[in-house]
Amino acid sequence: MKIELPDFLQRVRKRLRKIPTAYTVGPVLFAIASLLLIVSLTIETGVVGTGLATGDAAPGITEREVAFRVAPLFDASLVSGMCGVEFHLLNDSAYQTFQADRSLPPPTLDCNRTEAVVEGSVGHLVINNTAPPGNPNSSYLISVVFRGPRAPYAILSVPGASLALAVTIWMSMTIMARGTDRLIEHARLEREKRTKK
């Protein structure tokens, strides 16, 4: 049993079949490409690296260089260390001030404050061990997690840009082909009119 469509629906169906595929599918593919490109621009703050500083702190003030310059923001944690030992994570300007007048800012880490969020590029660690001279060294372990901007979906820009370019070329070629067909048809009609005269 064959179902016949009403005339109106048959005309719509014929017109839809005459529309090139680039005009019906092209905008959908272009929207998908745009979505991929937009998602690829997503930037989030996340973990970009880790670091450790470990050693023994002798009684008194000791200093050492640390490689905490990976990102301008990091979380520092005192994993192990004794009470009475203060840890100062200093950037270059604070370290120059310390060298000039031996004054230290409040400690970044100690046994009461085992975690801190540090902003800035830190290259120096100054340790103040308040134990009297002759006491054994105090072992410590400082762990850092560097945070910074990441673009986890950046790879999506490759298929997004490729798809957008391909769809643009496809639609342009379709528009050009249809325009050429119209010009040919118009020229044919003009020629027929001239030959009838």
Protein backbone atom coordinates (compact mmCIF):
# COMPACT_ATOMS: atom_id res chain seq x y z
CA MET A 1 0.00 0.00 0.00
CA LYS A 2 1.55 3.25 -1.14
CA ILE A 3 0.75 6.43 0.74
CA GLU A 4 0.32 9.55 -1.40
CA LEU A 5 1.35 12.87 0.09
CA PRO A 6 -0.89 15.90 -0.40
CA ASP A 7 0.13 18.22 -3.26
CA PHE A 8 1.41 20.88 -0.88
CA LEU A 9 3.77 18.45 0.88
CA GLN A 10 4.93 17.03 -2.45
CA ARG A 11 5.84 20.53 -3.66
CA VAL A 12 7.73 21.22 -0.41
CA ARG A 13 9.51 17.91 -0.75
CA LYS A 14 10.56 18.68 -4.34
CA ARG A 15 11.85 22.11 -3.31
CA LEU A 16 13.82 20.64 -0.42
CA ARG A 17 15.40 18.12 -2.79
CA LYS A 18 16.47 20.97 -5.09
CA ILE A 19 18.31 22.72 -2.24
CA PRO A 20 22.00 21.76 -2.35
CA THR A 21 23.30 19.71 0.54
CA ALA A 22 25.78 22.47 1.38
CA TYR A 23 22.89 24.77 2.30
CA THR A 24 21.19 22.27 4.59
CA VAL A 25 24.13 20.47 6.17
CA GLY A 26 26.71 23.27 5.90
CA PRO A 27 25.27 25.54 8.62
CA VAL A 28 25.03 22.61 11.04
CA LEU A 29 28.64 21.63 10.39
CA PHE A 30 29.71 25.28 10.71
CA ALA A 31 27.91 25.52 14.07
CA ILE A 32 29.75 22.38 15.23
CA ALA A 33 33.07 23.87 14.09
CA SER A 34 32.30 27.11 15.94
CA LEU A 35 31.44 25.17 19.08
CA LEU A 36 34.72 23.25 18.88
CA LEU A 37 36.64 26.51 18.48
CA ILE A 38 34.86 28.15 21.41
CA VAL A 39 35.47 25.13 23.67
CA SER A 40 39.14 25.10 22.65
CA LEU A 41 39.52 28.62 24.09
CA THR A 42 38.51 27.47 27.58
CA ILE A 43 41.21 28.34 30.09
CA GLU A 44 41.18 27.10 33.66
CA THR A 45 43.50 27.37 36.61
CA GLY A 46 44.99 24.03 37.45
CA VAL A 47 48.08 22.17 38.52
CA VAL A 48 50.99 22.87 36.18
CA GLY A 49 53.77 21.28 38.23
CA THR A 50 55.08 20.18 41.61
CA GLY A 51 58.26 20.69 43.56
CA LEU A 52 60.05 19.73 46.77
CA ALA A 53 62.54 21.32 49.11
CA THR A 54 64.13 19.03 51.63
CA GLY A 55 67.12 19.19 53.91
CA ASP A 56 68.43 19.75 57.44
CA ALA A 57 68.24 23.10 59.22
CA ALA A 58 71.09 23.85 61.63
CA PRO A 59 70.37 26.04 64.67
CA GLY A 60 70.29 29.72 63.70
CA ILE A 61 69.46 31.23 60.33
CA THR A 62 70.29 29.32 57.16
CA GLU A 63 69.42 30.12 53.60
CA ARG A 64 69.28 28.29 50.30
CA GLU A 65 67.98 28.70 46.81
CA VAL A 66 64.81 26.90 45.75
CA ALA A 67 63.38 26.43 42.28
CA PHE A 68 59.86 27.68 42.96
CA ARG A 69 59.69 29.94 39.90
CA VAL A 70 57.55 27.67 37.72
CA ALA A 71 54.32 29.64 38.22
CA PRO A 72 53.40 32.87 40.02
CA LEU A 73 50.96 31.04 42.31
CA PHE A 74 51.57 27.89 44.32
CA ASP A 75 50.43 26.00 47.40
CA ALA A 76 53.23 25.28 49.88
CA SER A 77 52.90 22.54 52.50
CA LEU A 78 55.23 21.73 55.36
CA VAL A 79 55.14 17.95 55.23
CA SER A 80 57.63 17.42 58.03
CA GLY A 81 59.41 19.85 60.31
CA MET A 82 59.89 20.44 64.03
CA CYS A 83 58.34 23.21 66.10
CA GLY A 84 60.65 26.15 66.64
CA VAL A 85 61.70 26.19 63.01
CA GLU A 86 60.31 28.94 60.75
CA PHE A 87 60.41 28.80 56.96
CA HIS A 88 60.42 32.01 54.92
CA LEU A 89 59.81 31.68 51.18
CA LEU A 90 61.19 34.90 49.68
CA ASN A 91 61.06 36.46 46.25
CA ASP A 92 64.09 38.36 44.95
CA SER A 93 63.15 41.75 46.43
CA ALA A 94 62.35 40.33 49.88
CA TYR A 95 65.63 38.39 49.76
CA GLN A 96 67.57 41.56 48.94
CA THR A 97 65.92 43.29 51.92
CA PHE A 98 66.91 40.34 54.11
CA GLN A 99 70.50 40.51 52.91
CA ALA A 100 70.65 44.26 53.49
CA ASP A 101 69.28 44.45 57.05
CA ARG A 102 68.74 40.77 58.10
CA SER A 103 65.02 41.45 58.73
CA LEU A 104 62.55 38.74 57.84
CA PRO A 105 58.84 38.98 57.06
CA PRO A 106 56.43 36.77 59.02
CA PRO A 107 57.14 33.08 58.38
CA THR A 108 55.45 31.45 55.42
CA LEU A 109 55.41 28.03 57.13
CA ASP A 110 56.01 26.74 60.64
CA CYS A 111 54.58 24.00 62.89
CA ASN A 112 51.40 26.06 63.48
CA ARG A 113 50.90 27.03 59.85
CA THR A 114 51.69 24.00 57.72
CA GLU A 115 50.00 25.18 54.53
CA ALA A 116 50.12 28.49 52.67
CA VAL A 117 49.18 29.93 49.31
CA VAL A 118 52.14 31.89 47.95
CA GLU A 119 51.92 34.47 45.18
CA GLY A 120 54.99 35.49 43.28
CA SER A 121 58.13 33.90 41.96
CA VAL A 122 60.04 32.46 44.91
CA GLY A 123 63.71 31.66 44.56
CA HIS A 124 64.99 31.71 48.14
CA LEU A 125 64.24 29.82 51.34
CA VAL A 126 65.42 31.29 54.64
CA ILE A 127 65.12 28.99 57.66
CA ASN A 128 65.15 30.29 61.21
CA ASN A 129 65.83 27.44 63.66
CA THR A 130 65.41 28.87 67.16
CA ALA A 131 67.09 25.90 68.86
CA PRO A 132 70.21 26.80 70.85
CA PRO A 133 73.59 26.20 69.19
CA GLY A 134 74.84 22.65 69.57
CA ASN A 135 71.38 21.06 69.17
CA PRO A 136 70.95 18.57 66.34
CA ASN A 137 69.82 19.73 62.94
CA SER A 138 66.09 19.70 62.18
CA SER A 139 64.99 17.80 59.06
CA TYR A 140 62.27 19.32 56.92
CA LEU A 141 60.30 18.61 53.78
CA ILE A 142 58.35 21.30 51.93
CA SER A 143 56.08 20.27 49.08
CA VAL A 144 54.69 22.74 46.55
CA VAL A 145 51.97 22.48 43.92
CA PHE A 146 52.22 25.12 41.20
CA ARG A 147 48.97 26.53 39.81
CA GLY A 148 48.56 28.37 36.57
CA PRO A 149 46.39 28.78 33.50
CA ARG A 150 45.87 25.71 31.38
CA ALA A 151 44.01 25.15 28.13
CA PRO A 152 43.01 21.48 28.39
CA TYR A 153 40.84 21.53 25.25
CA ALA A 154 43.19 23.49 22.99
CA ILE A 155 43.61 20.48 20.69
CA LEU A 156 39.96 20.88 19.65
CA SER A 157 40.94 24.00 17.71
CA VAL A 158 42.59 21.82 15.04
CA PRO A 159 39.47 19.89 13.95
CA GLY A 160 37.30 22.97 14.58
CA ALA A 161 39.35 25.21 12.28
CA SER A 162 39.68 22.45 9.67
CA LEU A 163 35.94 21.80 9.67
CA ALA A 164 35.12 25.52 9.48
CA LEU A 165 37.50 25.96 6.53
CA ALA A 166 36.14 22.90 4.71
CA VAL A 167 32.52 23.99 5.19
CA THR A 168 33.32 27.53 4.03
CA ILE A 169 34.99 26.23 0.87
CA TRP A 170 32.14 23.76 0.26
CA MET A 171 29.45 26.42 0.63
CA SER A 172 31.40 28.92 -1.49
CA MET A 173 31.85 26.39 -4.28
CA THR A 174 28.14 25.52 -4.14
CA ILE A 175 27.15 29.19 -4.32
CA MET A 176 29.52 29.72 -7.23
CA ALA A 177 28.24 26.62 -9.06
CA ARG A 178 24.61 27.70 -8.61
CA GLY A 179 25.44 31.20 -9.83
CA THR A 180 27.21 29.76 -12.87
CA ASP A 181 24.21 27.50 -13.58
CA ARG A 182 21.89 30.53 -13.40
CA LEU A 183 24.10 32.50 -15.78
CA ILE A 184 24.19 29.58 -18.22
CA GLU A 185 20.40 29.22 -18.01
CA HIS A 186 19.94 32.97 -18.50
CA ALA A 187 22.29 32.94 -21.50
CA ARG A 188 20.44 29.94 -22.97
CA LEU A 189 17.08 31.70 -22.60
CA GLU A 190 18.47 34.88 -24.20
CA ARG A 191 19.85 32.85 -27.12
CA GLU A 192 16.48 31.12 -27.58
CA LYS A 193 14.71 34.50 -27.59
CA ARG A 194 17.10 35.82 -30.26
CA THR A 195 16.70 32.74 -32.44
CA LYS A 196 12.87 32.98 -32.29
CA LYS A 197 12.97 36.56 -33.61
